[in-house]
Amino acid sequence: MVQPKKRSRPRLLTGPHSEPPRAPAEPEPPRAPAEAQPEQVSGISSREVFTVGSALLILLFLIKIYGVARYSLTTTTALLAATPVQVALGTVTIYAYYILPAVALGTAWFAVRFRSHIQPVLWPLLLIVVAVTALASPFKYLVQGFAVVLAALCLELFLRQYRRRLAGSTDERLIRRRRALGRWQGLSVVYVGAAALAFQFLHSLNAPWVSAQAFLLTTPTVVSTQQMNVDYNRLHVAPESRFYGYPIAETEDWVTVLHADTRYVMRIPQSAIDTRLTCHNEDDQLSGDAPLLEVLKGNPYNSPNLDCRKVVEYLGRKIPGQPLPPWD
């Protein structure tokens, strides 16, 4: 029987330089036009905020020294050279009557205003801050703080009513005004409180940052070199052995004192001081009041420091080197 012939299969060239067939390339989809990127506005960094805040604090302290020196650059330079560090700490201390109510009421205001953004874990801390600072605040200054908050509330109501009146306007200028007022809403207490603190700061600008003391010296010292109201700019040396002033610097051998009336800077040896008693200068220093905690307890406020004029009058009956006479 005759066998059928086998058909030969076509051979594929698989040499070293041969490449497999490629699929036809698909056309690339058209690219979308690039969108314009918005310009990035550079914000204020924390370092810049710290730098500006430090500069403002230094300026505040310089203005305070200038006011205590009664606007004399010579006395200002002497005070700055004597106590560069005590100015900062003392200035914050003497304004504690205003700072404590400001912290209490300001914290309460922002806690209510931004209550939706405050985490629940922070509420006990905020309540502690408000309670402690409010109870430690002098009652008279706390009432003044409530008056500032009431003024801020009135301003908030005015801004809200005014923005409602502008809501239906189609004028572009009025729309921009409404948006600008929206940024102020909720921050009225900041601006009103800052204005109140600035007013109190300027009102007590000449109050030194240290406690007043009454001095009795064994030998008189010069307390002024001219009469401020008579024969201006003429030499008039006035020695005294009893006066009250502010010790702004002290070492083992010397004490630098700023006279309360003449604002003359004196350097007195420690050996020449017979008696020095702490007192309260009613003309310069802020008057105290019982804190809210003592008011709630029913305790009246009694200042531990007597008026400096009465203390100096009392020292007039003391003989240098002898014990203190009895107080009448």
Protein backbone atom coordinates (compact mmCIF):
# COMPACT_ATOMS: atom_id res chain seq x y z
CA MET A 1 0.00 0.00 0.00
CA VAL A 2 1.26 3.37 -0.88
CA GLN A 3 1.73 5.75 2.18
CA PRO A 4 0.54 9.42 1.83
CA LYS A 5 3.21 12.01 1.74
CA LYS A 6 3.60 14.22 4.81
CA ARG A 7 3.43 17.93 4.26
CA SER A 8 6.45 19.79 5.52
CA ARG A 9 5.79 22.59 8.03
CA PRO A 10 7.23 26.03 7.31
CA ARG A 11 10.29 26.74 9.32
CA LEU A 12 10.52 29.93 11.42
CA LEU A 13 13.73 31.81 11.30
CA THR A 14 14.91 32.06 14.87
CA GLY A 15 18.36 33.28 14.32
CA PRO A 16 20.26 35.45 16.79
CA HIS A 17 19.25 38.68 15.01
CA SER A 18 15.64 37.83 14.43
CA GLU A 19 12.91 39.70 16.46
CA PRO A 20 9.35 38.53 17.18
CA PRO A 21 6.61 40.42 15.41
CA ARG A 22 5.31 43.44 17.27
CA ALA A 23 1.71 44.42 17.74
CA PRO A 24 0.75 47.70 16.11
CA ALA A 25 1.17 50.65 18.53
CA GLU A 26 -2.02 52.22 19.78
CA PRO A 27 -2.31 55.96 19.32
CA GLU A 28 -1.76 57.99 22.52
CA PRO A 29 -4.80 59.86 23.84
CA PRO A 30 -4.54 63.64 23.64
CA ARG A 31 -3.19 65.24 26.82
CA ALA A 32 -5.38 67.60 28.76
CA PRO A 33 -4.10 71.16 28.95
CA ALA A 34 -2.15 71.88 32.14
CA GLU A 35 -4.16 73.77 34.73
CA ALA A 36 -2.72 76.97 36.07
CA GLN A 37 -1.37 76.41 39.56
CA PRO A 38 -2.43 79.06 42.12
CA GLU A 39 0.35 81.17 43.51
CA GLN A 40 1.38 80.07 46.95
CA VAL A 41 1.24 82.82 49.53
CA SER A 42 4.07 82.59 51.98
CA GLY A 43 2.82 82.69 55.58
CA ILE A 44 4.45 84.03 58.70
CA SER A 45 6.72 81.52 60.37
CA SER A 46 6.90 80.96 64.11
CA ARG A 47 10.41 82.39 64.17
CA GLU A 48 9.16 85.65 62.70
CA VAL A 49 6.32 85.79 65.24
CA PHE A 50 8.80 85.21 68.07
CA THR A 51 11.11 87.91 66.73
CA VAL A 52 8.33 90.47 66.39
CA GLY A 53 6.96 89.61 69.84
CA SER A 54 10.37 89.96 71.45
CA ALA A 55 10.91 93.33 69.77
CA LEU A 56 7.52 94.55 70.99
CA LEU A 57 8.27 93.44 74.56
CA ILE A 58 11.64 95.23 74.52
CA LEU A 59 9.93 98.36 73.21
CA LEU A 60 7.30 98.04 75.95
CA PHE A 61 9.95 97.83 78.66
CA LEU A 62 11.85 100.80 77.23
CA ILE A 63 8.67 102.88 77.24
CA LYS A 64 8.05 101.81 80.84
CA ILE A 65 11.52 102.92 81.93
CA TYR A 66 11.07 106.19 80.05
CA GLY A 67 7.79 106.84 81.87
CA VAL A 68 9.19 105.96 85.29
CA ALA A 69 12.06 108.39 84.66
CA ARG A 70 9.42 111.06 83.93
CA TYR A 71 10.61 111.38 80.35
CA SER A 72 14.23 112.16 81.20
CA LEU A 73 16.72 110.36 78.99
CA THR A 74 19.47 110.80 81.58
CA THR A 75 17.41 109.08 84.26
CA THR A 76 16.24 106.48 81.74
CA THR A 77 19.83 105.53 80.95
CA ALA A 78 20.68 105.33 84.66
CA LEU A 79 17.69 103.05 85.37
CA LEU A 80 18.42 100.83 82.39
CA ALA A 81 22.05 100.42 83.40
CA ALA A 82 21.12 99.65 87.01
CA THR A 83 18.35 97.07 86.51
CA PRO A 84 18.09 95.60 83.01
CA VAL A 85 16.49 92.34 84.23
CA GLN A 86 14.23 93.58 87.03
CA VAL A 87 12.35 95.80 84.58
CA ALA A 88 10.81 92.80 82.80
CA LEU A 89 9.89 90.81 85.89
CA GLY A 90 8.74 93.83 87.88
CA THR A 91 6.59 95.23 85.06
CA VAL A 92 4.72 91.94 84.71
CA THR A 93 4.28 91.75 88.50
CA ILE A 94 2.82 95.23 89.03
CA TYR A 95 0.26 94.61 86.28
CA ALA A 96 -0.91 91.31 87.78
CA TYR A 97 -4.10 93.09 88.90
CA TYR A 98 -5.01 93.46 85.21
CA ILE A 99 -3.39 90.31 83.81
CA LEU A 100 -5.28 87.86 86.05
CA PRO A 101 -8.80 89.06 85.08
CA ALA A 102 -7.70 89.27 81.44
CA VAL A 103 -6.54 85.63 81.46
CA ALA A 104 -9.71 84.42 83.22
CA LEU A 105 -12.22 86.25 81.05
CA GLY A 106 -10.24 85.85 77.82
CA THR A 107 -9.95 82.08 78.30
CA ALA A 108 -13.68 81.80 79.02
CA TRP A 109 -14.53 83.89 75.96
CA PHE A 110 -12.46 81.83 73.51
CA ALA A 111 -13.59 78.55 75.09
CA VAL A 112 -17.21 79.47 74.35
CA ARG A 113 -16.45 81.04 70.97
CA PHE A 114 -14.44 78.10 69.62
CA ARG A 115 -16.11 75.30 71.59
CA SER A 116 -16.65 73.21 68.47
CA HIS A 117 -12.89 73.07 67.81
CA ILE A 118 -11.79 72.21 71.36
CA GLN A 119 -11.10 68.59 72.17
CA PRO A 120 -13.03 67.18 75.16
CA VAL A 121 -9.80 66.32 76.95
CA LEU A 122 -8.88 70.04 77.12
CA TRP A 123 -12.06 71.24 78.83
CA PRO A 124 -10.97 70.34 82.41
CA LEU A 125 -7.71 72.23 81.89
CA LEU A 126 -9.53 75.30 80.60
CA LEU A 127 -11.96 75.23 83.52
CA ILE A 128 -9.07 75.04 85.98
CA VAL A 129 -7.32 78.03 84.36
CA VAL A 130 -10.51 80.11 84.42
CA ALA A 131 -11.39 79.19 88.01
CA VAL A 132 -7.91 79.77 89.48
CA THR A 133 -7.26 83.10 87.74
CA ALA A 134 -10.77 84.38 88.48
CA LEU A 135 -10.59 83.50 92.19
CA ALA A 136 -7.13 85.11 92.46
CA SER A 137 -8.21 88.31 90.66
CA PRO A 138 -8.88 91.40 92.79
CA PHE A 139 -12.63 91.95 92.86
CA LYS A 140 -12.49 95.58 91.72
CA TYR A 141 -10.34 94.78 88.69
CA LEU A 142 -12.45 91.70 87.89
CA VAL A 143 -15.54 93.93 87.70
CA GLN A 144 -13.64 96.20 85.30
CA GLY A 145 -12.82 93.13 83.21
CA PHE A 146 -16.51 92.22 83.05
CA ALA A 147 -17.21 95.74 81.80
CA VAL A 148 -14.70 95.16 78.98
CA VAL A 149 -16.39 91.87 78.09
CA LEU A 150 -19.79 93.60 78.08
CA ALA A 151 -18.44 96.23 75.69
CA ALA A 152 -17.08 93.44 73.47
CA LEU A 153 -20.50 91.73 73.46
CA CYS A 154 -22.17 94.98 72.40
CA LEU A 155 -19.65 95.30 69.58
CA GLU A 156 -20.31 91.70 68.53
CA LEU A 157 -24.06 92.33 68.35
CA PHE A 158 -23.51 95.48 66.34
CA LEU A 159 -21.26 93.67 63.83
CA ARG A 160 -23.75 90.82 63.49
CA GLN A 161 -26.69 93.14 62.84
CA TYR A 162 -24.66 95.20 60.39
CA ARG A 163 -23.58 92.11 58.43
CA ARG A 164 -27.21 90.97 58.23
CA ARG A 165 -28.17 94.28 56.70
CA LEU A 166 -25.43 93.86 54.09
CA ALA A 167 -26.34 90.24 53.30
CA GLY A 168 -28.83 91.08 50.52
CA SER A 169 -26.66 93.69 48.83
CA THR A 170 -25.30 93.09 45.33
CA ASP A 171 -22.77 95.91 45.46
CA GLU A 172 -19.25 94.53 45.24
CA ARG A 173 -17.96 97.13 47.67
CA LEU A 174 -20.55 96.21 50.30
CA ILE A 175 -19.86 92.50 49.76
CA ARG A 176 -16.17 93.01 50.46
CA ARG A 177 -17.06 95.03 53.55
CA ARG A 178 -19.29 92.23 54.82
CA ARG A 179 -16.50 89.70 54.33
CA ALA A 180 -14.04 91.94 56.15
CA LEU A 181 -16.41 92.32 59.09
CA GLY A 182 -16.81 88.56 59.20
CA ARG A 183 -13.13 88.21 60.05
CA TRP A 184 -13.62 90.54 63.03
CA GLN A 185 -16.53 88.59 64.42
CA GLY A 186 -15.56 86.65 67.54
CA LEU A 187 -12.38 88.67 68.09
CA SER A 188 -13.94 91.81 69.54
CA VAL A 189 -12.78 90.95 73.05
CA VAL A 190 -9.19 90.87 71.79
CA TYR A 191 -9.29 94.39 70.38
CA VAL A 192 -11.38 95.90 73.18
CA GLY A 193 -9.27 94.17 75.83
CA ALA A 194 -6.02 95.27 74.18
CA ALA A 195 -7.28 98.85 74.08
CA ALA A 196 -8.24 98.69 77.78
CA LEU A 197 -4.84 97.24 78.76
CA ALA A 198 -3.05 99.87 76.70
CA PHE A 199 -5.02 102.61 78.44
CA GLN A 200 -4.18 101.22 81.90
CA PHE A 201 -0.54 100.87 80.90
CA LEU A 202 -0.33 104.52 79.83
CA HIS A 203 -2.31 105.63 82.89
CA SER A 204 0.21 103.99 85.24
CA LEU A 205 3.27 104.60 83.08
CA ASN A 206 5.18 106.42 85.86
CA ALA A 207 4.65 103.63 88.42
CA PRO A 208 8.00 101.92 89.12
CA TRP A 209 8.37 98.16 89.02
CA VAL A 210 9.63 97.78 92.61
CA SER A 211 8.04 98.38 95.99
CA ALA A 212 8.49 101.74 97.66
CA GLN A 213 10.52 102.06 100.87
CA ALA A 214 10.93 104.78 103.47
CA PHE A 215 14.57 105.56 104.38
CA LEU A 216 16.19 107.08 107.45
CA LEU A 217 19.88 107.92 106.97
CA THR A 218 22.56 108.70 109.50
CA THR A 219 23.91 111.44 107.22
CA PRO A 220 21.84 113.47 104.73
CA THR A 221 22.13 112.74 101.03
CA VAL A 222 21.30 114.79 97.95
CA VAL A 223 17.77 114.05 96.70
CA SER A 224 17.64 116.70 93.95
CA THR A 225 19.91 119.23 92.27
CA GLN A 226 17.25 121.70 91.12
CA GLN A 227 13.78 122.94 91.97
CA MET A 228 11.37 121.62 89.39
CA ASN A 229 8.86 124.50 89.59
CA VAL A 230 11.03 127.43 90.70
CA ASP A 231 14.30 128.61 89.09
CA TYR A 232 14.20 125.94 86.43
CA ASN A 233 17.59 124.60 85.29
CA ARG A 234 19.45 126.27 88.16
CA LEU A 235 21.53 124.42 90.70
CA HIS A 236 19.70 123.87 93.97
CA VAL A 237 21.11 121.07 96.12
CA ALA A 238 18.56 119.65 98.55
CA PRO A 239 19.95 117.16 101.10
CA GLU A 240 17.57 115.04 103.17
CA SER A 241 17.89 112.25 105.70
CA ARG A 242 14.24 111.07 105.58
CA PHE A 243 12.47 110.30 102.33
CA TYR A 244 10.79 107.48 100.43
CA GLY A 245 11.82 106.06 97.11
CA TYR A 246 12.37 102.90 95.09
CA PRO A 247 15.49 100.73 95.53
CA ILE A 248 16.25 99.74 91.95
CA ALA A 249 19.64 98.06 92.54
CA GLU A 250 21.56 96.86 95.55
CA THR A 251 24.92 95.35 96.42
CA GLU A 252 26.67 94.60 99.70
CA ASP A 253 28.12 98.11 99.89
CA TRP A 254 25.76 100.35 97.91
CA VAL A 255 22.08 100.75 97.13
CA THR A 256 20.69 102.73 94.18
CA VAL A 257 17.46 104.53 95.04
CA LEU A 258 15.05 106.44 92.78
CA HIS A 259 13.48 109.30 94.74
CA ALA A 260 9.68 109.12 94.57
CA ASP A 261 9.07 112.84 94.11
CA THR A 262 12.09 114.25 92.29
CA ARG A 263 12.98 111.03 90.39
CA TYR A 264 16.61 111.71 91.20
CA VAL A 265 18.85 108.62 91.11
CA MET A 266 20.91 108.32 94.31
CA ARG A 267 23.70 105.94 95.29
CA ILE A 268 23.70 105.51 99.05
CA PRO A 269 26.24 103.46 101.03
CA GLN A 270 24.72 100.69 103.09
CA SER A 271 26.52 101.95 106.17
CA ALA A 272 24.62 105.26 105.98
CA ILE A 273 21.18 103.63 106.14
CA ASP A 274 19.77 103.51 109.65
CA THR A 275 16.24 102.23 108.89
CA ARG A 276 14.31 101.25 105.78
CA LEU A 277 10.65 100.21 105.86
CA THR A 278 8.50 98.96 102.99
CA CYS A 279 5.48 101.16 102.29
CA HIS A 280 2.87 101.89 99.61
CA ASN A 281 3.04 105.04 97.53
CA GLU A 282 -0.56 106.07 96.95
CA ASP A 283 0.43 108.52 94.19
CA ASP A 284 2.18 106.02 91.89
CA GLN A 285 1.36 102.43 92.77
CA LEU A 286 -1.92 100.67 92.01
CA SER A 287 -4.37 100.32 94.88
CA GLY A 288 -5.05 96.77 96.00
CA ASP A 289 -8.31 94.99 96.62
CA ALA A 290 -9.47 91.68 98.03
CA PRO A 291 -9.43 88.81 95.53
CA LEU A 292 -12.67 87.11 94.59
CA LEU A 293 -11.86 84.15 96.84
CA GLU A 294 -11.64 86.39 99.93
CA VAL A 295 -14.78 88.28 98.90
CA LEU A 296 -16.70 85.02 98.74
CA LYS A 297 -15.42 84.17 102.22
CA GLY A 298 -16.51 87.57 103.50
CA ASN A 299 -13.00 88.70 104.49
CA PRO A 300 -12.21 92.43 104.07
CA TYR A 301 -9.00 93.61 102.42
CA ASN A 302 -6.30 95.06 104.66
CA SER A 303 -3.11 96.16 102.96
CA PRO A 304 0.04 95.04 104.80
CA ASN A 305 1.84 98.21 103.69
CA LEU A 306 1.03 101.66 105.08
CA ASP A 307 1.10 104.91 103.13
CA CYS A 308 4.67 106.11 102.63
CA ARG A 309 3.90 109.62 103.89
CA LYS A 310 2.77 108.23 107.24
CA VAL A 311 5.83 105.98 107.47
CA VAL A 312 8.20 108.92 106.81
CA GLU A 313 6.36 110.92 109.45
CA TYR A 314 6.82 108.04 111.86
CA LEU A 315 10.56 107.84 111.12
CA GLY A 316 10.82 111.53 112.07
CA ARG A 317 10.41 110.48 115.70
CA LYS A 318 13.25 107.98 115.55
CA ILE A 319 16.77 108.84 116.64
CA PRO A 320 19.46 107.23 114.42
CA GLY A 321 21.12 104.37 116.25
CA GLN A 322 18.20 103.95 118.66
CA PRO A 323 15.34 101.40 118.57
CA LEU A 324 12.16 102.19 116.74
CA PRO A 325 9.69 104.27 118.77
CA PRO A 326 6.22 102.84 119.49
CA TRP A 327 3.57 103.39 116.84
CA ASP A 328 0.73 105.66 117.99
